[in-house]
């Protein structure tokens, strides 16, 4: 697979901001209706904060739209409405779960974090006029990402994992920000070295192993991902970092065997740590035997309750506000919020939600085809892959397909660091899609010339 935007450019011309505004109106209306349905289902009355919720979400959506209209008018019209709808649905679900935990109200704080995320979205769209500027700071981004991943090791573990910084009542998950920084580094490194990775090195049968100086960072990334898994006991972040790197490596080189190598390395690291590290080993055992607690007389664990919730939801669910989410336990607003969707909206709601998550990925891949530089194309693919991989890892854990990872569902789950980071990702995709879909200067008249390769086109 060759990432060369010159060969397959995305459509250009009108920015379709009117379409975006209409979709935003629909996203806000759907979210507000969900809020009203929860209130009526639980108390048979319109919830008191309905107007504040509608005004808050609608105001944030309008400000973000104005930023795109005046700062990135050729951007893909699906990105912002999809983010607003997911964020709005997340607020609805957290409000619904707040009703199960009267002493722990998370929806107001989540709305504040959403406002901060939209503020940063506007800032990125307004300040970052050319994505290629990020390529200059690739190694700085890598260093900062590593620092952000190391800092939580100095703080006490939370629920068995060292991924949080907690001080003076304030909590932050630095790994959420590190994933964006490390994606910028991956894109820059592979844009500069993709030819060497694809065509140089030593042939071993049908495979060609790159030279040590080129392969070194690949092995280094694997060691870092395993190190994160060992020191922080964070299976999700480790899988996410390594997964994004393997995806970008495949896209940059077009060599499918890199995927096989990546899967084998990740599986080897996860198997070793899952055997030796007690916290991760416990999660693996819970995954292999989700109903062991029932057989032992201790009652169902969280994973078993999650599976029961999906089963109770059936095809169309029990209805918003009419499930039994409180049975899941302490992580019902974070790791297991998807179980509430499965129970109360059913299989139909889950499918609709997964399709919503697929839209930014499709927009990102389409953007990658329209960009003329390798760095921009790889960055678009990496940013699109981040939430897609995260959804797969989280949904797989909650549904019992893979061990639980403890990550936050993008936009949906409680967590300020997560929602802010996802708004930054959307802002970067908006900026990239504006560049891909916007008009370009006409080529000078003269004899036809061969299109440069993607690495040569990178600026």
Protein backbone atom coordinates (compact mmCIF):
# COMPACT_ATOMS: atom_id res chain seq x y z
CA UNK A 1 0.00 0.00 0.00
CA UNK A 2 1.56 3.26 -1.12
CA UNK A 3 0.54 6.42 0.70
CA UNK A 4 0.79 8.91 -2.13
CA UNK A 5 -1.95 11.52 -2.04
CA UNK A 6 -1.06 12.79 -5.51
CA UNK A 7 -2.29 9.51 -6.96
CA UNK A 8 -5.75 9.59 -5.41
CA UNK A 9 -6.82 13.01 -4.26
CA UNK A 10 -9.97 13.59 -2.27
CA UNK A 11 -12.74 15.76 -3.71
CA UNK A 12 -12.08 19.50 -3.65
CA UNK A 13 -14.21 22.58 -3.91
CA UNK A 14 -17.06 23.61 -1.66
CA UNK A 15 -16.47 23.16 2.04
CA UNK A 16 -20.05 21.95 2.74
CA UNK A 17 -20.28 23.88 5.98
CA UNK A 18 -24.06 24.05 5.59
CA UNK A 19 -24.19 20.25 5.63
CA UNK A 20 -22.03 20.25 8.74
CA UNK A 21 -24.33 22.72 10.50
CA UNK A 22 -27.42 20.63 9.68
CA UNK A 23 -25.72 17.48 10.98
CA UNK A 24 -24.66 19.32 14.13
CA UNK A 25 -28.26 20.34 14.75
CA UNK A 26 -29.31 16.70 14.41
CA UNK A 27 -26.53 15.56 16.76
CA UNK A 28 -27.57 18.04 19.44
CA UNK A 29 -31.25 17.15 19.08
CA UNK A 30 -30.55 13.41 19.39
CA UNK A 31 -28.47 13.99 22.52
CA UNK A 32 -31.08 16.26 24.12
CA UNK A 33 -33.83 13.74 23.34
CA UNK A 34 -31.75 11.03 25.01
CA UNK A 35 -31.38 13.25 28.08
CA UNK A 36 -35.15 13.79 28.24
CA UNK A 37 -35.90 10.08 27.75
CA UNK A 38 -33.64 9.17 30.70
CA UNK A 39 -35.35 11.70 32.96
CA UNK A 40 -38.86 10.60 31.99
CA UNK A 41 -37.98 6.90 32.35
CA UNK A 42 -36.52 7.36 35.82
CA UNK A 43 -38.74 10.02 37.40
CA UNK A 44 -41.69 10.37 34.97
CA UNK A 45 -40.83 14.05 34.56
CA UNK A 46 -38.60 16.24 32.43
CA UNK A 47 -35.21 16.48 34.19
CA UNK A 48 -34.51 19.87 35.72
CA UNK A 49 -31.19 20.42 33.95
CA UNK A 50 -32.51 19.79 30.44
CA UNK A 51 -32.24 23.42 29.32
CA UNK A 52 -28.73 23.80 30.74
CA UNK A 53 -27.64 20.59 29.02
CA UNK A 54 -29.16 21.63 25.67
CA UNK A 55 -27.67 25.13 25.89
CA UNK A 56 -24.26 23.82 26.93
CA UNK A 57 -23.96 21.17 24.22
CA UNK A 58 -25.52 23.40 21.56
CA UNK A 59 -23.22 26.31 22.45
CA UNK A 60 -20.12 24.12 22.30
CA UNK A 61 -21.21 22.69 18.93
CA UNK A 62 -21.84 26.18 17.52
CA UNK A 63 -18.46 27.53 18.67
CA UNK A 64 -16.67 24.54 17.16
CA UNK A 65 -18.60 24.97 13.91
CA UNK A 66 -17.66 28.64 13.68
CA UNK A 67 -14.01 27.73 14.21
CA UNK A 68 -14.18 25.26 11.32
CA UNK A 69 -16.22 27.56 9.11
CA UNK A 70 -13.68 30.40 9.36
CA UNK A 71 -10.48 28.42 9.98
CA UNK A 72 -10.84 25.19 7.99
CA UNK A 73 -13.73 25.69 5.59
CA UNK A 74 -12.79 22.76 3.33
CA UNK A 75 -12.67 20.21 6.16
CA UNK A 76 -14.68 16.99 6.03
CA UNK A 77 -18.25 17.84 7.17
CA UNK A 78 -18.70 14.51 9.01
CA UNK A 79 -15.88 14.85 11.56
CA UNK A 80 -17.27 17.53 13.86
CA UNK A 81 -20.92 16.31 13.96
CA UNK A 82 -19.76 12.77 14.74
CA UNK A 83 -17.62 14.02 17.63
CA UNK A 84 -20.47 16.17 19.00
CA UNK A 85 -22.94 13.27 18.82
CA UNK A 86 -20.56 10.86 20.57
CA UNK A 87 -19.73 13.44 23.23
CA UNK A 88 -23.44 14.22 23.69
CA UNK A 89 -24.35 10.55 24.03
CA UNK A 90 -21.54 10.13 26.54
CA UNK A 91 -22.99 12.95 28.65
CA UNK A 92 -26.44 11.32 28.46
CA UNK A 93 -25.09 7.94 29.59
CA UNK A 94 -23.07 9.45 32.44
CA UNK A 95 -26.15 11.42 33.57
CA UNK A 96 -28.15 8.19 33.45
CA UNK A 97 -25.50 6.35 35.53
CA UNK A 98 -25.30 9.25 38.00
CA UNK A 99 -28.83 8.28 38.98
CA UNK A 100 -27.39 4.96 40.22
CA UNK A 101 -24.67 6.69 42.26
CA UNK A 102 -26.31 9.60 44.07
CA UNK A 103 -23.09 10.52 45.91
CA UNK A 104 -20.92 10.52 42.80
CA UNK A 105 -22.22 12.95 40.18
CA UNK A 106 -19.90 12.88 37.17
CA UNK A 107 -22.01 14.50 34.42
CA UNK A 108 -21.37 18.16 35.44
CA UNK A 109 -17.61 17.60 35.56
CA UNK A 110 -17.73 15.78 32.23
CA UNK A 111 -19.51 18.75 30.65
CA UNK A 112 -16.73 21.04 31.94
CA UNK A 113 -14.08 18.72 30.49
CA UNK A 114 -16.01 18.68 27.21
CA UNK A 115 -15.95 22.48 27.17
CA UNK A 116 -12.18 22.40 27.72
CA UNK A 117 -11.85 19.86 24.90
CA UNK A 118 -13.82 22.05 22.50
CA UNK A 119 -11.71 25.05 23.55
CA UNK A 120 -8.54 23.14 22.66
CA UNK A 121 -10.20 21.99 19.43
CA UNK A 122 -10.78 25.64 18.49
CA UNK A 123 -7.22 26.50 19.48
CA UNK A 124 -5.68 23.75 17.35
CA UNK A 125 -7.80 24.66 14.31
CA UNK A 126 -6.93 28.35 14.71
CA UNK A 127 -3.20 28.06 15.51
CA UNK A 128 -2.05 25.06 13.47
CA UNK A 129 -2.34 26.40 9.95
CA UNK A 130 -0.02 23.80 8.38
CA UNK A 131 0.28 20.26 9.76
CA UNK A 132 3.82 19.92 8.37
CA UNK A 133 5.07 22.12 11.19
CA UNK A 134 4.61 19.14 13.53
CA UNK A 135 7.20 17.16 11.59
CA UNK A 136 9.94 19.49 12.82
CA UNK A 137 9.21 18.57 16.42
CA UNK A 138 8.91 14.81 15.97
CA UNK A 139 11.70 13.80 18.36
CA UNK A 140 10.55 16.39 20.89
CA UNK A 141 7.09 14.81 20.75
CA UNK A 142 8.63 11.37 21.34
CA UNK A 143 10.61 12.60 24.35
CA UNK A 144 7.59 14.31 25.87
CA UNK A 145 5.44 11.22 25.27
CA UNK A 146 7.95 9.01 27.07
CA UNK A 147 8.08 11.46 29.97
CA UNK A 148 4.29 11.47 30.23
CA UNK A 149 4.25 7.67 30.30
CA UNK A 150 6.94 7.46 32.99
CA UNK A 151 5.54 10.05 35.42
CA UNK A 152 2.57 7.92 36.67
CA UNK A 153 5.04 5.30 37.90
CA UNK A 154 5.90 7.72 40.73
CA UNK A 155 2.29 7.80 41.95
CA UNK A 156 0.25 5.13 43.78
CA UNK A 157 -1.58 2.53 41.70
CA UNK A 158 -5.31 3.00 41.09
CA UNK A 159 -7.30 -0.23 40.67
CA UNK A 160 -4.02 -2.06 40.20
CA UNK A 161 -2.62 0.13 37.37
CA UNK A 162 -0.18 3.05 37.54
CA UNK A 163 -1.65 5.26 34.83
CA UNK A 164 -2.95 8.19 36.89
CA UNK A 165 -1.50 11.32 38.43
CA UNK A 166 -3.57 12.28 41.47
CA UNK A 167 -2.83 15.36 43.55
CA UNK A 168 -4.99 17.79 45.59
CA UNK A 169 -8.20 16.18 44.37
CA UNK A 170 -7.14 16.54 40.72
CA UNK A 171 -6.52 13.53 38.49
CA UNK A 172 -4.90 13.23 35.08
CA UNK A 173 -4.08 10.31 32.80
CA UNK A 174 -0.92 11.36 30.89
CA UNK A 175 -1.01 8.33 28.61
CA UNK A 176 -4.02 9.81 26.82
CA UNK A 177 -1.94 12.79 25.67
CA UNK A 178 1.13 10.63 25.03
CA UNK A 179 -0.72 8.60 22.39
CA UNK A 180 -1.16 11.69 20.17
CA UNK A 181 2.47 12.75 20.60
CA UNK A 182 3.82 9.29 19.86
CA UNK A 183 1.64 9.08 16.73
CA UNK A 184 3.22 12.31 15.45
CA UNK A 185 6.66 10.76 16.00
CA UNK A 186 5.69 7.49 14.28
CA UNK A 187 4.38 9.36 11.24
CA UNK A 188 7.49 11.54 10.96
CA UNK A 189 9.93 8.65 11.41
CA UNK A 190 8.21 6.40 8.89
CA UNK A 191 7.80 9.21 6.36
CA UNK A 192 11.57 9.67 6.42
CA UNK A 193 12.50 5.97 6.44
CA UNK A 194 9.79 4.08 4.61
CA UNK A 195 11.90 3.38 1.53
CA UNK A 196 14.71 1.98 3.67
CA UNK A 197 12.26 -0.20 5.59
CA UNK A 198 10.67 -1.51 2.39
CA UNK A 199 13.61 -2.00 0.04
CA UNK A 200 16.90 -2.26 1.94
CA UNK A 201 18.43 -4.81 4.28
CA UNK A 202 19.12 -8.54 4.25
CA UNK A 203 16.91 -11.00 2.39
CA UNK A 204 15.75 -14.00 4.43
CA UNK A 205 13.72 -16.22 2.12
CA UNK A 206 10.85 -14.11 0.82
CA UNK A 207 11.33 -11.57 3.60
CA UNK A 208 13.73 -8.65 3.67
CA UNK A 209 14.94 -7.56 7.10
CA UNK A 210 15.92 -3.87 7.24
CA UNK A 211 19.35 -2.74 8.37
CA UNK A 212 19.96 -2.48 12.10
CA UNK A 213 19.96 1.32 12.14
CA UNK A 214 16.52 1.32 10.54
CA UNK A 215 15.13 -1.66 12.45
CA UNK A 216 16.41 -0.35 15.81
CA UNK A 217 13.50 2.04 16.46
CA UNK A 218 11.02 -0.76 15.62
CA UNK A 219 12.53 -3.00 18.30
CA UNK A 220 12.78 0.01 20.61
CA UNK A 221 9.05 0.68 20.29
CA UNK A 222 8.32 -2.95 21.13
CA UNK A 223 10.51 -2.74 24.22
CA UNK A 224 8.88 0.52 25.31
CA UNK A 225 5.38 -0.97 24.92
CA UNK A 226 6.37 -4.00 26.99
CA UNK A 227 8.05 -1.70 29.53
CA UNK A 228 4.83 0.29 29.90
CA UNK A 229 2.95 -2.95 30.40
CA UNK A 230 5.39 -4.14 33.09
CA UNK A 231 5.87 -0.92 35.05
CA UNK A 232 2.36 0.53 34.83
CA UNK A 233 0.43 -2.74 34.55
CA UNK A 234 -1.44 -1.11 31.66
CA UNK A 235 -2.26 -3.67 29.01
CA UNK A 236 -4.47 -1.29 27.02
CA UNK A 237 -1.90 1.47 26.45
CA UNK A 238 0.74 -1.07 25.50
CA UNK A 239 -1.51 -2.69 22.89
CA UNK A 240 -2.63 0.71 21.58
CA UNK A 241 0.88 2.10 21.07
CA UNK A 242 2.19 -0.99 19.40
CA UNK A 243 -0.96 -1.43 17.31
CA UNK A 244 -0.74 2.11 15.90
CA UNK A 245 2.93 1.62 15.06
CA UNK A 246 2.26 -1.66 13.23
CA UNK A 247 -0.61 -0.09 11.26
CA UNK A 248 1.58 2.84 10.20
CA UNK A 249 4.46 0.51 9.39
CA UNK A 250 2.23 -1.52 7.09
CA UNK A 251 0.78 1.57 5.41
CA UNK A 252 4.23 3.12 4.92
CA UNK A 253 5.93 0.05 3.48
CA UNK A 254 3.10 -1.96 1.92
CA UNK A 255 4.62 -5.11 3.46
CA UNK A 256 1.85 -7.26 4.97
CA UNK A 257 4.32 -9.44 6.85
CA UNK A 258 5.01 -6.50 9.18
CA UNK A 259 1.51 -7.05 10.56
CA UNK A 260 2.31 -10.69 11.28
CA UNK A 261 5.59 -9.71 12.95
CA UNK A 262 3.82 -7.06 15.01
CA UNK A 263 1.10 -9.44 16.17
CA UNK A 264 3.69 -12.05 17.15
CA UNK A 265 5.81 -9.54 19.10
CA UNK A 266 2.77 -8.10 20.88
CA UNK A 267 1.45 -11.57 21.69
CA UNK A 268 4.86 -12.68 23.02
CA UNK A 269 5.17 -9.63 25.26
CA UNK A 270 1.59 -9.86 26.51
CA UNK A 271 1.89 -13.60 27.19
CA UNK A 272 5.12 -13.17 29.17
CA UNK A 273 3.83 -10.28 31.27
CA UNK A 274 0.40 -11.88 31.65
CA UNK A 275 2.10 -14.89 33.18
CA UNK A 276 4.57 -13.09 35.43
CA UNK A 277 2.75 -9.90 36.53
CA UNK A 278 0.00 -10.64 39.10
CA UNK A 279 -2.40 -7.81 38.15
CA UNK A 280 -2.32 -8.61 34.44
CA UNK A 281 -2.41 -12.33 35.21
CA UNK A 282 -5.58 -11.79 37.26
CA UNK A 283 -7.27 -10.06 34.33
CA UNK A 284 -6.29 -12.90 32.01
CA UNK A 285 -7.77 -15.41 34.45
CA UNK A 286 -10.99 -13.39 34.72
CA UNK A 287 -11.19 -13.39 30.93
CA UNK A 288 -10.62 -17.15 30.67
CA UNK A 289 -13.07 -17.97 33.50
CA UNK A 290 -15.63 -15.11 33.74
CA UNK A 291 -18.15 -17.21 35.72
CA UNK A 292 -15.68 -18.70 38.19
CA UNK A 293 -16.97 -16.43 40.98
CA UNK A 294 -20.48 -17.83 40.58
CA UNK A 295 -19.24 -21.41 40.73
CA UNK A 296 -17.21 -20.61 43.86
CA UNK A 297 -20.17 -18.97 45.59
CA UNK A 298 -18.70 -15.44 45.54
CA UNK A 299 -21.25 -14.14 43.05
CA UNK A 300 -20.67 -12.83 39.52
CA UNK A 301 -17.71 -10.55 38.85
CA UNK A 302 -17.74 -7.43 36.71
CA UNK A 303 -17.11 -9.24 33.45
CA UNK A 304 -19.88 -11.73 34.18
CA UNK A 305 -22.28 -8.88 35.01
CA UNK A 306 -21.27 -7.17 31.77
CA UNK A 307 -22.07 -10.30 29.76
CA UNK A 308 -25.41 -10.60 31.56
CA UNK A 309 -26.18 -6.98 30.64
CA UNK A 310 -25.52 -7.61 26.94
CA UNK A 311 -27.72 -10.71 27.08
CA UNK A 312 -30.53 -8.82 28.84
CA UNK A 313 -30.48 -6.10 26.18
CA UNK A 314 -31.40 -8.42 23.34
CA UNK A 315 -31.95 -6.81 19.96
CA UNK A 316 -33.51 -3.47 20.90
CA UNK A 317 -32.63 -3.09 24.59
CA UNK A 318 -34.65 -2.38 27.69
CA UNK A 319 -34.79 1.37 26.99
CA UNK A 320 -32.66 4.25 28.25
CA UNK A 321 -32.80 4.46 32.03
CA UNK A 322 -34.50 1.08 32.45
CA UNK A 323 -31.54 -1.26 32.87
CA UNK A 324 -29.68 -2.56 35.93
CA UNK A 325 -26.28 -0.97 35.41
CA UNK A 326 -25.67 -0.60 39.14
CA UNK A 327 -24.97 -4.34 39.34
CA UNK A 328 -21.75 -3.90 37.33
CA UNK A 329 -19.91 -2.10 40.12
CA UNK A 330 -17.33 0.65 40.48
CA UNK A 331 -16.29 0.95 36.80
CA UNK A 332 -19.78 1.32 35.35
CA UNK A 333 -19.05 4.89 34.11
CA UNK A 334 -15.66 4.10 32.60
CA UNK A 335 -14.59 0.62 31.49
CA UNK A 336 -18.07 -0.87 31.45
CA UNK A 337 -20.17 2.01 30.11
CA UNK A 338 -20.53 0.02 26.89
CA UNK A 339 -22.43 -2.64 28.86
CA UNK A 340 -25.05 -0.02 29.68
CA UNK A 341 -25.39 0.71 25.96
CA UNK A 342 -25.77 -3.00 25.24
CA UNK A 343 -28.42 -3.49 27.91
CA UNK A 344 -30.51 -0.37 27.35
CA UNK A 345 -30.12 0.13 23.58
CA UNK A 346 -29.57 -3.50 22.59
CA UNK A 347 -27.70 -4.92 19.64
CA UNK A 348 -29.23 -2.30 17.35
CA UNK A 349 -27.86 0.51 19.51
CA UNK A 350 -24.43 -1.10 19.71
CA UNK A 351 -24.26 -1.46 15.93
CA UNK A 352 -25.26 2.18 15.48
CA UNK A 353 -22.61 3.24 18.00
CA UNK A 354 -19.86 1.23 16.28
CA UNK A 355 -20.86 2.75 12.94
CA UNK A 356 -20.49 6.19 14.50
CA UNK A 357 -17.00 5.29 15.64
CA UNK A 358 -16.20 4.03 12.15
CA UNK A 359 -16.98 7.40 10.54
CA UNK A 360 -13.86 9.27 11.83
CA UNK A 361 -11.72 6.32 10.75
CA UNK A 362 -13.17 6.42 7.23
CA UNK A 363 -12.75 10.21 7.08
CA UNK A 364 -9.15 9.88 8.24
CA UNK A 365 -8.26 7.26 5.64
CA UNK A 366 -9.95 9.29 2.91
CA UNK A 367 -8.00 12.33 4.06
CA UNK A 368 -4.75 10.37 3.85
CA UNK A 369 -5.40 9.67 0.17
CA UNK A 370 -5.86 13.36 -0.57
CA UNK A 371 -2.68 14.67 1.06
CA UNK A 372 0.41 15.26 -1.11
CA UNK A 373 3.03 14.57 1.61
CA UNK A 374 3.92 11.29 3.28
CA UNK A 375 3.99 12.75 6.78
CA UNK A 376 0.47 14.14 6.49
CA UNK A 377 -0.87 10.90 5.01
CA UNK A 378 0.67 8.76 7.73
CA UNK A 379 -0.45 11.17 10.45
CA UNK A 380 -4.02 11.02 9.17
CA UNK A 381 -3.95 7.21 9.16
CA UNK A 382 -2.44 7.11 12.66
CA UNK A 383 -4.93 9.56 14.15
CA UNK A 384 -7.83 7.69 12.51
CA UNK A 385 -6.49 4.36 13.80
CA UNK A 386 -6.13 5.58 17.41
CA UNK A 387 -9.84 5.71 18.38
CA UNK A 388 -10.65 2.71 16.17
CA UNK A 389 -8.08 0.53 17.93
CA UNK A 390 -9.14 1.88 21.30
CA UNK A 391 -12.78 0.99 20.63
CA UNK A 392 -11.73 -2.51 19.56
CA UNK A 393 -9.60 -3.04 22.68
CA UNK A 394 -12.28 -1.74 25.06
CA UNK A 395 -15.26 -3.42 23.39
CA UNK A 396 -13.32 -6.68 23.15
CA UNK A 397 -12.56 -6.59 26.87
CA UNK A 398 -16.09 -5.73 27.99
CA UNK A 399 -17.59 -8.37 25.69
CA UNK A 400 -15.14 -11.04 26.85
CA UNK A 401 -13.27 -11.36 23.55
CA UNK A 402 -9.90 -10.27 25.01
CA UNK A 403 -8.70 -9.53 28.57
CA UNK A 404 -9.92 -6.29 30.13
CA UNK A 405 -7.58 -3.34 29.61
CA UNK A 406 -8.97 -0.52 31.74
CA UNK A 407 -9.08 2.08 28.96
CA UNK A 408 -11.78 4.72 28.42
CA UNK A 409 -14.28 4.46 25.57
CA UNK A 410 -13.58 7.53 23.36
CA UNK A 411 -16.00 10.40 24.16
CA UNK A 412 -18.41 8.00 25.88
CA UNK A 413 -16.78 7.13 29.19
CA UNK A 414 -16.13 9.33 32.20
CA UNK A 415 -12.65 10.85 32.07
CA UNK A 416 -11.42 14.36 31.45
CA UNK A 417 -8.07 13.38 29.96
CA UNK A 418 -9.77 11.09 27.47
CA UNK A 419 -12.41 13.53 26.23
CA UNK A 420 -9.88 16.38 25.90
CA UNK A 421 -7.45 14.19 23.96
CA UNK A 422 -10.15 12.96 21.60
CA UNK A 423 -11.15 16.54 20.80
CA UNK A 424 -7.50 17.27 19.96
CA UNK A 425 -7.46 14.24 17.64
CA UNK A 426 -10.62 15.49 15.89
CA UNK A 427 -9.05 18.96 15.53
CA UNK A 428 -5.94 17.51 13.89
CA UNK A 429 -8.08 15.44 11.53
CA UNK A 430 -10.10 18.56 10.67
CA UNK A 431 -6.91 20.44 9.86
CA UNK A 432 -5.57 17.55 7.75
CA UNK A 433 -8.85 17.11 5.88
CA UNK A 434 -8.99 20.85 5.17
CA UNK A 435 -5.57 20.57 3.55
CA UNK A 436 -6.56 17.44 1.61
CA UNK A 437 -9.90 18.76 0.33
CA UNK A 438 -8.92 22.40 -0.23
CA UNK A 439 -7.88 23.85 -3.57
CA UNK A 440 -4.24 23.64 -4.59
CA UNK A 441 -2.30 25.97 -6.84
CA UNK A 442 -2.51 24.96 -10.49
CA UNK A 443 0.56 23.21 -11.87
CA UNK A 444 2.65 25.39 -14.22
CA UNK A 445 2.20 24.79 -17.92
CA UNK A 446 4.87 22.67 -19.54
CA UNK A 447 5.81 19.08 -20.33
CA UNK A 448 4.26 16.46 -18.08
CA UNK A 449 6.46 15.33 -15.24
CA UNK A 450 6.38 12.15 -13.20
CA UNK A 451 4.75 12.59 -9.81
CA UNK A 452 7.26 12.53 -6.97
CA UNK A 453 7.00 9.73 -4.46
CA UNK A 454 5.41 10.39 -1.11
CA UNK A 455 8.73 10.74 0.70
CA UNK A 456 9.99 13.23 -1.81
CA UNK A 457 6.74 15.16 -1.57
CA UNK A 458 7.01 15.47 2.21
CA UNK A 459 7.92 18.98 3.22
